Amino acid sequence: MNFLYSLPLTVSPGAEDDELKTGLSIADVTPGLLGFLVTLFMVIVVFFLIRDMVKRIRRVRYREQARTGVGSDVFIPSAESGAGAADAPPAPKASDGGDTTPGYYKRG
């Protein structure tokens, strides 16, 4: 582990002065217009990919909520389960007289 800490000390930083090697100019060292355009293209592509991913995740969540009825006041039975009796949420207890859905508060 100590080897990794001492590794930067063994590499020589190169020329001590701030001059470039002979035959090089500042324009040869910078990425230029092509580098900027490639970077801009990558940013735009990543933006649209993330936007599409968020839309698809949101659609999956909405479908799950619609199928199970969680997060809504009305239970919608799924078509695959027939009458939906097996998927139905438990009825509220008669003792408290209210809904047992998380986040539901009785008015009154």
C-alpha atoms as a PDB file:
ATOM      1  CA  MET A   1       0.000   0.000   0.000  1.00  0.00           C
ATOM      2  CA  ASN A   2       2.857   2.376   0.721  1.00  0.00           C
ATOM      3  CA  PHE A   3       4.085   1.748  -2.812  1.00  0.00           C
ATOM      4  CA  LEU A   4       1.036   3.560  -4.215  1.00  0.00           C
ATOM      5  CA  TYR A   5       1.737   6.601  -2.043  1.00  0.00           C
ATOM      6  CA  SER A   6       5.353   6.822  -3.166  1.00  0.00           C
ATOM      7  CA  LEU A   7       4.616   6.260  -6.873  1.00  0.00           C
ATOM      8  CA  PRO A   8       4.053   9.962  -7.763  1.00  0.00           C
ATOM      9  CA  LEU A   9       7.423  10.805  -6.227  1.00  0.00           C
ATOM     10  CA  THR A  10       9.280   8.436  -8.559  1.00  0.00           C
ATOM     11  CA  VAL A  11       7.891   9.963 -11.785  1.00  0.00           C
ATOM     12  CA  SER A  12       9.882  12.927 -13.012  1.00  0.00           C
ATOM     13  CA  PRO A  13       7.676  15.877 -13.975  1.00  0.00           C
ATOM     14  CA  GLY A  14       9.525  16.488 -17.244  1.00  0.00           C
ATOM     15  CA  ALA A  15      11.044  19.768 -18.271  1.00  0.00           C
ATOM     16  CA  GLU A  16      11.461  22.254 -15.453  1.00  0.00           C
ATOM     17  CA  ASP A  17      10.888  25.311 -17.625  1.00  0.00           C
ATOM     18  CA  ASP A  18       7.526  26.324 -19.080  1.00  0.00           C
ATOM     19  CA  GLU A  19       8.653  26.147 -22.713  1.00  0.00           C
ATOM     20  CA  LEU A  20       7.339  23.639 -25.231  1.00  0.00           C
ATOM     21  CA  LYS A  21       9.565  21.215 -27.049  1.00  0.00           C
ATOM     22  CA  THR A  22      11.014  22.379 -30.323  1.00  0.00           C
ATOM     23  CA  GLY A  23       8.595  22.072 -33.223  1.00  0.00           C
ATOM     24  CA  LEU A  24       5.420  22.336 -31.095  1.00  0.00           C
ATOM     25  CA  SER A  25       3.070  25.295 -30.846  1.00  0.00           C
ATOM     26  CA  ILE A  26       0.213  26.018 -28.457  1.00  0.00           C
ATOM     27  CA  ALA A  27      -2.326  25.097 -31.189  1.00  0.00           C
ATOM     28  CA  ASP A  28      -0.820  21.596 -31.413  1.00  0.00           C
ATOM     29  CA  VAL A  29      -1.358  20.961 -27.698  1.00  0.00           C
ATOM     30  CA  THR A  30      -4.984  22.140 -27.276  1.00  0.00           C
ATOM     31  CA  PRO A  31      -7.960  19.987 -28.340  1.00  0.00           C
ATOM     32  CA  GLY A  32      -9.247  22.689 -30.692  1.00  0.00           C
ATOM     33  CA  LEU A  33     -12.604  22.881 -32.402  1.00  0.00           C
ATOM     34  CA  LEU A  34     -12.846  19.146 -33.061  1.00  0.00           C
ATOM     35  CA  GLY A  35     -12.404  18.312 -29.370  1.00  0.00           C
ATOM     36  CA  PHE A  36     -15.052  20.857 -28.414  1.00  0.00           C
ATOM     37  CA  LEU A  37     -17.542  19.487 -30.955  1.00  0.00           C
ATOM     38  CA  VAL A  38     -17.009  15.885 -29.847  1.00  0.00           C
ATOM     39  CA  THR A  39     -17.501  16.892 -26.205  1.00  0.00           C
ATOM     40  CA  LEU A  40     -20.649  18.871 -27.052  1.00  0.00           C
ATOM     41  CA  PHE A  41     -22.037  15.907 -29.010  1.00  0.00           C
ATOM     42  CA  MET A  42     -21.415  13.561 -26.070  1.00  0.00           C
ATOM     43  CA  VAL A  43     -23.156  15.961 -23.643  1.00  0.00           C
ATOM     44  CA  ILE A  44     -26.212  16.195 -25.903  1.00  0.00           C
ATOM     45  CA  VAL A  45     -26.412  12.404 -26.340  1.00  0.00           C
ATOM     46  CA  VAL A  46     -26.114  11.784 -22.583  1.00  0.00           C
ATOM     47  CA  PHE A  47     -28.811  14.413 -21.902  1.00  0.00           C
ATOM     48  CA  PHE A  48     -31.311  12.696 -24.203  1.00  0.00           C
ATOM     49  CA  LEU A  49     -30.428   9.219 -22.874  1.00  0.00           C
ATOM     50  CA  ILE A  50     -31.023  10.305 -19.277  1.00  0.00           C
ATOM     51  CA  ARG A  51     -34.284  12.013 -20.237  1.00  0.00           C
ATOM     52  CA  ASP A  52     -35.518   8.850 -21.984  1.00  0.00           C
ATOM     53  CA  MET A  53     -34.478   6.669 -19.038  1.00  0.00           C
ATOM     54  CA  VAL A  54     -36.366   8.867 -16.563  1.00  0.00           C
ATOM     55  CA  LYS A  55     -39.459   8.745 -18.775  1.00  0.00           C
ATOM     56  CA  ARG A  56     -39.343   4.936 -18.961  1.00  0.00           C
ATOM     57  CA  ILE A  57     -38.833   4.535 -15.207  1.00  0.00           C
ATOM     58  CA  ARG A  58     -41.732   6.897 -14.522  1.00  0.00           C
ATOM     59  CA  ARG A  59     -43.954   4.897 -16.924  1.00  0.00           C
ATOM     60  CA  VAL A  60     -43.106   1.630 -15.125  1.00  0.00           C
ATOM     61  CA  ARG A  61     -43.957   3.189 -11.759  1.00  0.00           C
ATOM     62  CA  TYR A  62     -47.295   4.505 -13.036  1.00  0.00           C
ATOM     63  CA  ARG A  63     -48.196   1.109 -14.481  1.00  0.00           C
ATOM     64  CA  GLU A  64     -47.378  -0.573 -11.174  1.00  0.00           C
ATOM     65  CA  GLN A  65     -49.470   1.950  -9.253  1.00  0.00           C
ATOM     66  CA  ALA A  66     -52.384   1.474 -11.642  1.00  0.00           C
ATOM     67  CA  ARG A  67     -52.113  -2.310 -11.421  1.00  0.00           C
ATOM     68  CA  THR A  68     -51.960  -2.519  -7.632  1.00  0.00           C
ATOM     69  CA  GLY A  69     -53.899   0.603  -6.710  1.00  0.00           C
ATOM     70  CA  VAL A  70     -51.158   1.748  -4.331  1.00  0.00           C
ATOM     71  CA  GLY A  71     -51.021   5.522  -4.093  1.00  0.00           C
ATOM     72  CA  SER A  72     -54.601   6.032  -5.238  1.00  0.00           C
ATOM     73  CA  ASP A  73     -57.993   5.958  -3.554  1.00  0.00           C
ATOM     74  CA  VAL A  74     -59.486   3.461  -6.015  1.00  0.00           C
ATOM     75  CA  PHE A  75     -58.291  -0.114  -6.454  1.00  0.00           C
ATOM     76  CA  ILE A  76     -58.081  -1.223 -10.082  1.00  0.00           C
ATOM     77  CA  PRO A  77     -57.922  -5.026 -10.399  1.00  0.00           C
ATOM     78  CA  SER A  78     -55.555  -6.381 -12.996  1.00  0.00           C
ATOM     79  CA  ALA A  79     -56.896  -8.289 -15.982  1.00  0.00           C
ATOM     80  CA  GLU A  80     -54.634 -11.306 -15.334  1.00  0.00           C
ATOM     81  CA  SER A  81     -55.991 -12.085 -11.880  1.00  0.00           C
ATOM     82  CA  GLY A  82     -59.608 -12.465 -12.923  1.00  0.00           C
ATOM     83  CA  ALA A  83     -61.931 -10.865 -10.396  1.00  0.00           C
ATOM     84  CA  GLY A  84     -59.021  -9.375  -8.472  1.00  0.00           C
ATOM     85  CA  ALA A  85     -60.042 -10.827  -5.122  1.00  0.00           C
ATOM     86  CA  ALA A  86     -56.592 -12.235  -4.470  1.00  0.00           C
ATOM     87  CA  ASP A  87     -54.871  -8.935  -5.275  1.00  0.00           C
ATOM     88  CA  ALA A  88     -57.317  -6.755  -3.351  1.00  0.00           C
ATOM     89  CA  PRO A  89     -55.883  -4.849  -0.405  1.00  0.00           C
ATOM     90  CA  PRO A  90     -57.170  -5.832   3.027  1.00  0.00           C
ATOM     91  CA  ALA A  91     -60.320  -4.115   4.186  1.00  0.00           C
ATOM     92  CA  PRO A  92     -59.903  -1.408   6.840  1.00  0.00           C
ATOM     93  CA  LYS A  93     -60.443  -2.472  10.388  1.00  0.00           C
ATOM     94  CA  ALA A  94     -63.841  -1.673  11.819  1.00  0.00           C
ATOM     95  CA  SER A  95     -62.281  -0.522  15.097  1.00  0.00           C
ATOM     96  CA  ASP A  96     -60.488   2.515  13.666  1.00  0.00           C
ATOM     97  CA  GLY A  97     -63.045   3.227  10.953  1.00  0.00           C
ATOM     98  CA  GLY A  98     -60.433   4.611   8.569  1.00  0.00           C
ATOM     99  CA  ASP A  99     -58.314   3.688   5.638  1.00  0.00           C
ATOM    100  CA  THR A 100     -55.080   1.808   6.339  1.00  0.00           C
ATOM    101  CA  THR A 101     -53.301   3.162   3.260  1.00  0.00           C
ATOM    102  CA  PRO A 102     -49.984   4.821   4.248  1.00  0.00           C
ATOM    103  CA  GLY A 103     -50.180   8.582   4.020  1.00  0.00           C
ATOM    104  CA  TYR A 104     -53.981   8.656   4.477  1.00  0.00           C
ATOM    105  CA  TYR A 105     -55.312  10.874   7.228  1.00  0.00           C
ATOM    106  CA  LYS A 106     -58.858  10.970   8.468  1.00  0.00           C
ATOM    107  CA  ARG A 107     -60.649  14.260   8.302  1.00  0.00           C
ATOM    108  CA  GLY A 108     -62.788  15.232  11.135  1.00  0.00           C
END
